[in-house]
Amino acid sequence: YLDDTLVLRTVHHTPEGTVAVTDALAVRPGARGHELGHGSPAVLLREVHALSGRVPIHCEFVPRRSSACSPPICTPYPGAWSPPPGRPR
């Protein structure tokens, strides 16, 4: 974890180079302390940053609700994807 945060940074070393993967869960604006989970938008923010070399990256995005029992359905937006709101039918 990065100092004094709930942001996780993992560094991966490969023969081709090194990448850092940084993950954070978005929280409600202004939330502090024990309020961090209340009203959370349920959004995972992920950044993959090349530190050295040329590392091939494969990313698969398959969000699911209801403990992975529902089919993955997403809505594309410029630069982002969003799963449907609410519970699956």
N, C-alpha and C. Protein backbone atom coordinates (compact mmCIF):
# COMPACT_ATOMS: atom_id res chain seq x y z
N TYR A 1 0.85 -1.19 0.00
CA TYR A 1 0.00 0.00 0.00
C TYR A 1 0.89 1.24 0.00
N LEU A 2 0.42 2.28 -0.69
CA LEU A 2 1.15 3.54 -0.66
C LEU A 2 0.99 4.14 0.73
N ASP A 3 1.99 4.87 1.18
CA ASP A 3 1.99 5.41 2.54
C ASP A 3 0.69 6.14 2.88
N ASP A 4 0.13 5.78 4.02
CA ASP A 4 -1.06 6.43 4.59
C ASP A 4 -2.25 6.47 3.62
N THR A 5 -2.40 5.42 2.79
CA THR A 5 -3.53 5.36 1.86
C THR A 5 -4.08 3.94 1.81
N LEU A 6 -5.20 3.79 1.14
CA LEU A 6 -5.74 2.47 0.83
C LEU A 6 -5.50 2.14 -0.64
N VAL A 7 -4.49 2.78 -1.23
CA VAL A 7 -4.12 2.56 -2.62
C VAL A 7 -3.04 1.48 -2.67
N LEU A 8 -3.30 0.44 -3.46
CA LEU A 8 -2.38 -0.68 -3.57
C LEU A 8 -1.55 -0.55 -4.84
N ARG A 9 -0.24 -0.62 -4.69
CA ARG A 9 0.67 -0.57 -5.84
C ARG A 9 1.50 -1.84 -5.84
N THR A 10 1.42 -2.60 -6.95
CA THR A 10 2.16 -3.84 -7.08
C THR A 10 3.11 -3.71 -8.26
N VAL A 11 4.38 -4.05 -8.05
CA VAL A 11 5.38 -3.98 -9.12
C VAL A 11 5.67 -5.39 -9.60
N HIS A 12 5.59 -5.58 -10.92
CA HIS A 12 5.83 -6.88 -11.55
C HIS A 12 7.10 -6.80 -12.39
N HIS A 13 8.04 -7.72 -12.15
CA HIS A 13 9.29 -7.78 -12.89
C HIS A 13 9.22 -8.96 -13.86
N THR A 14 9.52 -8.71 -15.14
CA THR A 14 9.53 -9.76 -16.15
C THR A 14 10.86 -9.67 -16.92
N PRO A 15 11.18 -10.67 -17.71
CA PRO A 15 12.39 -10.57 -18.53
C PRO A 15 12.34 -9.39 -19.52
N GLU A 16 11.13 -8.97 -19.91
CA GLU A 16 10.98 -7.87 -20.87
C GLU A 16 11.05 -6.49 -20.22
N GLY A 17 10.79 -6.39 -18.92
CA GLY A 17 10.79 -5.11 -18.24
C GLY A 17 9.99 -5.15 -16.96
N THR A 18 9.65 -3.98 -16.45
CA THR A 18 8.96 -3.85 -15.16
C THR A 18 7.75 -2.95 -15.31
N VAL A 19 6.62 -3.36 -14.72
CA VAL A 19 5.42 -2.53 -14.70
C VAL A 19 4.91 -2.39 -13.27
N ALA A 20 4.24 -1.29 -13.00
CA ALA A 20 3.58 -1.07 -11.72
C ALA A 20 2.08 -1.02 -11.97
N VAL A 21 1.32 -1.78 -11.18
CA VAL A 21 -0.14 -1.77 -11.25
C VAL A 21 -0.64 -1.09 -9.98
N THR A 22 -1.39 -0.02 -10.14
CA THR A 22 -1.92 0.73 -9.00
C THR A 22 -3.44 0.59 -8.99
N ASP A 23 -3.99 0.14 -7.86
CA ASP A 23 -5.44 -0.07 -7.71
C ASP A 23 -5.97 0.76 -6.55
N ALA A 24 -7.13 1.34 -6.76
CA ALA A 24 -7.82 2.08 -5.70
C ALA A 24 -9.32 1.94 -5.91
N LEU A 25 -10.07 1.90 -4.83
CA LEU A 25 -11.52 1.92 -4.90
C LEU A 25 -11.98 3.35 -4.73
N ALA A 26 -12.82 3.81 -5.66
CA ALA A 26 -13.34 5.17 -5.55
C ALA A 26 -14.26 5.27 -4.34
N VAL A 27 -14.24 6.40 -3.68
CA VAL A 27 -15.09 6.63 -2.52
C VAL A 27 -15.95 7.87 -2.77
N ARG A 28 -16.97 8.00 -1.95
CA ARG A 28 -17.86 9.17 -2.04
C ARG A 28 -17.03 10.43 -1.76
N PRO A 29 -17.20 11.49 -2.56
CA PRO A 29 -16.46 12.72 -2.31
C PRO A 29 -16.65 13.21 -0.88
N GLY A 30 -15.57 13.56 -0.23
CA GLY A 30 -15.61 14.08 1.14
C GLY A 30 -15.62 13.01 2.22
N ALA A 31 -15.73 11.74 1.85
CA ALA A 31 -15.76 10.66 2.85
C ALA A 31 -14.41 10.54 3.53
N ARG A 32 -14.44 10.36 4.84
CA ARG A 32 -13.21 10.22 5.62
C ARG A 32 -13.43 9.15 6.69
N GLY A 33 -12.34 8.56 7.14
CA GLY A 33 -12.40 7.60 8.24
C GLY A 33 -13.34 6.44 7.98
N HIS A 34 -14.22 6.17 8.93
CA HIS A 34 -15.14 5.04 8.83
C HIS A 34 -16.26 5.26 7.82
N GLU A 35 -16.35 6.45 7.24
CA GLU A 35 -17.37 6.74 6.21
C GLU A 35 -16.94 6.27 4.82
N LEU A 36 -15.70 5.82 4.66
CA LEU A 36 -15.16 5.52 3.33
C LEU A 36 -16.02 4.56 2.52
N GLY A 37 -16.60 3.54 3.14
CA GLY A 37 -17.40 2.57 2.41
C GLY A 37 -18.84 2.97 2.19
N HIS A 38 -19.33 3.97 2.93
CA HIS A 38 -20.74 4.37 2.83
C HIS A 38 -20.96 5.21 1.57
N GLY A 39 -21.89 4.79 0.74
CA GLY A 39 -22.21 5.55 -0.46
C GLY A 39 -21.13 5.45 -1.53
N SER A 40 -20.30 4.44 -1.45
CA SER A 40 -19.23 4.26 -2.43
C SER A 40 -19.83 3.98 -3.80
N PRO A 41 -19.24 4.53 -4.87
CA PRO A 41 -19.78 4.29 -6.21
C PRO A 41 -19.44 2.91 -6.77
N ALA A 42 -18.74 2.06 -6.01
CA ALA A 42 -18.37 0.70 -6.45
C ALA A 42 -17.56 0.74 -7.74
N VAL A 43 -16.54 1.58 -7.76
CA VAL A 43 -15.69 1.76 -8.94
C VAL A 43 -14.25 1.41 -8.58
N LEU A 44 -13.65 0.52 -9.35
CA LEU A 44 -12.24 0.20 -9.20
C LEU A 44 -11.45 1.02 -10.21
N LEU A 45 -10.47 1.75 -9.72
CA LEU A 45 -9.59 2.53 -10.58
C LEU A 45 -8.27 1.78 -10.70
N ARG A 46 -7.82 1.52 -11.91
CA ARG A 46 -6.58 0.76 -12.11
C ARG A 46 -5.71 1.47 -13.14
N GLU A 47 -4.43 1.61 -12.80
CA GLU A 47 -3.45 2.19 -13.71
C GLU A 47 -2.29 1.22 -13.85
N VAL A 48 -1.88 0.96 -15.08
CA VAL A 48 -0.70 0.14 -15.35
C VAL A 48 0.34 1.06 -15.97
N HIS A 49 1.50 1.14 -15.32
CA HIS A 49 2.54 2.08 -15.74
C HIS A 49 3.83 1.32 -16.01
N ALA A 50 4.40 1.48 -17.20
CA ALA A 50 5.68 0.85 -17.53
C ALA A 50 6.81 1.59 -16.81
N LEU A 51 7.59 0.84 -16.04
CA LEU A 51 8.73 1.44 -15.34
C LEU A 51 10.02 1.26 -16.13
N SER A 52 10.11 0.14 -16.87
CA SER A 52 11.29 -0.10 -17.71
C SER A 52 10.95 -1.14 -18.77
N GLY A 53 11.68 -1.10 -19.89
CA GLY A 53 11.50 -2.10 -20.94
C GLY A 53 10.20 -1.95 -21.69
N ARG A 54 9.81 -3.05 -22.35
CA ARG A 54 8.56 -3.12 -23.12
C ARG A 54 7.85 -4.40 -22.71
N VAL A 55 6.89 -4.29 -21.84
CA VAL A 55 6.18 -5.45 -21.30
C VAL A 55 4.81 -5.56 -21.98
N PRO A 56 4.54 -6.69 -22.65
CA PRO A 56 3.21 -6.86 -23.24
C PRO A 56 2.16 -7.01 -22.14
N ILE A 57 1.04 -6.33 -22.29
CA ILE A 57 -0.03 -6.35 -21.29
C ILE A 57 -1.30 -6.87 -21.94
N HIS A 58 -1.97 -7.80 -21.27
CA HIS A 58 -3.28 -8.29 -21.69
C HIS A 58 -4.26 -7.97 -20.56
N CYS A 59 -5.32 -7.27 -20.88
CA CYS A 59 -6.30 -6.90 -19.87
C CYS A 59 -7.67 -7.42 -20.30
N GLU A 60 -8.33 -8.12 -19.40
CA GLU A 60 -9.68 -8.62 -19.66
C GLU A 60 -10.61 -7.99 -18.64
N PHE A 61 -11.65 -7.32 -19.13
CA PHE A 61 -12.60 -6.62 -18.27
C PHE A 61 -13.94 -7.34 -18.35
N VAL A 62 -14.32 -8.05 -17.28
CA VAL A 62 -15.56 -8.83 -17.27
C VAL A 62 -16.25 -8.61 -15.92
N PRO A 63 -16.83 -7.43 -15.68
CA PRO A 63 -17.50 -7.19 -14.40
C PRO A 63 -18.81 -7.96 -14.31
N ARG A 64 -19.11 -8.43 -13.13
CA ARG A 64 -20.36 -9.17 -12.91
C ARG A 64 -20.94 -8.75 -11.56
N ARG A 65 -22.24 -8.79 -11.48
CA ARG A 65 -22.93 -8.51 -10.22
C ARG A 65 -23.46 -9.81 -9.66
N SER A 66 -23.97 -9.78 -8.47
CA SER A 66 -24.57 -10.95 -7.81
C SER A 66 -23.61 -12.12 -7.75
N SER A 67 -22.41 -11.87 -7.25
CA SER A 67 -21.41 -12.92 -7.06
C SER A 67 -21.13 -13.69 -8.34
N ALA A 68 -21.04 -13.00 -9.45
CA ALA A 68 -20.70 -13.56 -10.76
C ALA A 68 -21.78 -14.47 -11.33
N CYS A 69 -23.02 -14.37 -10.85
CA CYS A 69 -24.11 -15.21 -11.36
C CYS A 69 -24.77 -14.60 -12.60
N SER A 70 -24.60 -13.32 -12.83
CA SER A 70 -25.26 -12.67 -13.96
C SER A 70 -24.29 -12.52 -15.13
N PRO A 71 -24.82 -12.37 -16.33
CA PRO A 71 -23.94 -12.20 -17.49
C PRO A 71 -23.27 -10.82 -17.46
N PRO A 72 -22.06 -10.72 -18.00
CA PRO A 72 -21.40 -9.42 -18.03
C PRO A 72 -22.04 -8.53 -19.09
N ILE A 73 -22.57 -7.39 -18.69
CA ILE A 73 -23.18 -6.44 -19.60
C ILE A 73 -22.64 -5.06 -19.24
N CYS A 74 -22.05 -4.38 -20.21
CA CYS A 74 -21.47 -3.07 -19.95
C CYS A 74 -21.92 -2.07 -21.00
N THR A 75 -21.86 -0.81 -20.65
CA THR A 75 -22.19 0.28 -21.57
C THR A 75 -20.90 1.02 -21.89
N PRO A 76 -20.53 1.15 -23.18
CA PRO A 76 -19.31 1.89 -23.51
C PRO A 76 -19.54 3.40 -23.45
N TYR A 77 -18.56 4.11 -22.93
CA TYR A 77 -18.51 5.56 -22.91
C TYR A 77 -17.14 5.96 -23.45
N PRO A 78 -16.96 7.17 -23.93
CA PRO A 78 -15.63 7.57 -24.40
C PRO A 78 -14.59 7.41 -23.28
N GLY A 79 -13.65 6.51 -23.49
CA GLY A 79 -12.58 6.29 -22.52
C GLY A 79 -12.96 5.45 -21.33
N ALA A 80 -14.16 4.87 -21.29
CA ALA A 80 -14.57 4.10 -20.12
C ALA A 80 -15.70 3.14 -20.47
N TRP A 81 -15.95 2.20 -19.57
CA TRP A 81 -17.08 1.27 -19.66
C TRP A 81 -17.80 1.31 -18.33
N SER A 82 -19.10 1.10 -18.35
CA SER A 82 -19.87 1.12 -17.11
C SER A 82 -20.84 -0.05 -17.08
N PRO A 83 -20.85 -0.83 -15.97
CA PRO A 83 -21.86 -1.88 -15.85
C PRO A 83 -23.22 -1.25 -15.59
N PRO A 84 -24.30 -1.97 -15.87
CA PRO A 84 -25.64 -1.40 -15.67
C PRO A 84 -25.92 -1.19 -14.18
N PRO A 85 -26.71 -0.17 -13.84
CA PRO A 85 -27.06 0.06 -12.44
C PRO A 85 -28.06 -0.98 -11.94
N GLY A 86 -28.12 -1.14 -10.65
CA GLY A 86 -29.11 -2.03 -10.05
C GLY A 86 -28.75 -3.49 -10.13
N ARG A 87 -29.66 -4.31 -9.69
CA ARG A 87 -29.45 -5.75 -9.66
C ARG A 87 -29.91 -6.38 -10.97
N PRO A 88 -29.28 -7.46 -11.40
CA PRO A 88 -29.72 -8.11 -12.63
C PRO A 88 -31.10 -8.74 -12.47
N ARG A 89 -31.83 -8.87 -13.57
CA ARG A 89 -33.15 -9.48 -13.54
C ARG A 89 -33.06 -10.97 -13.71
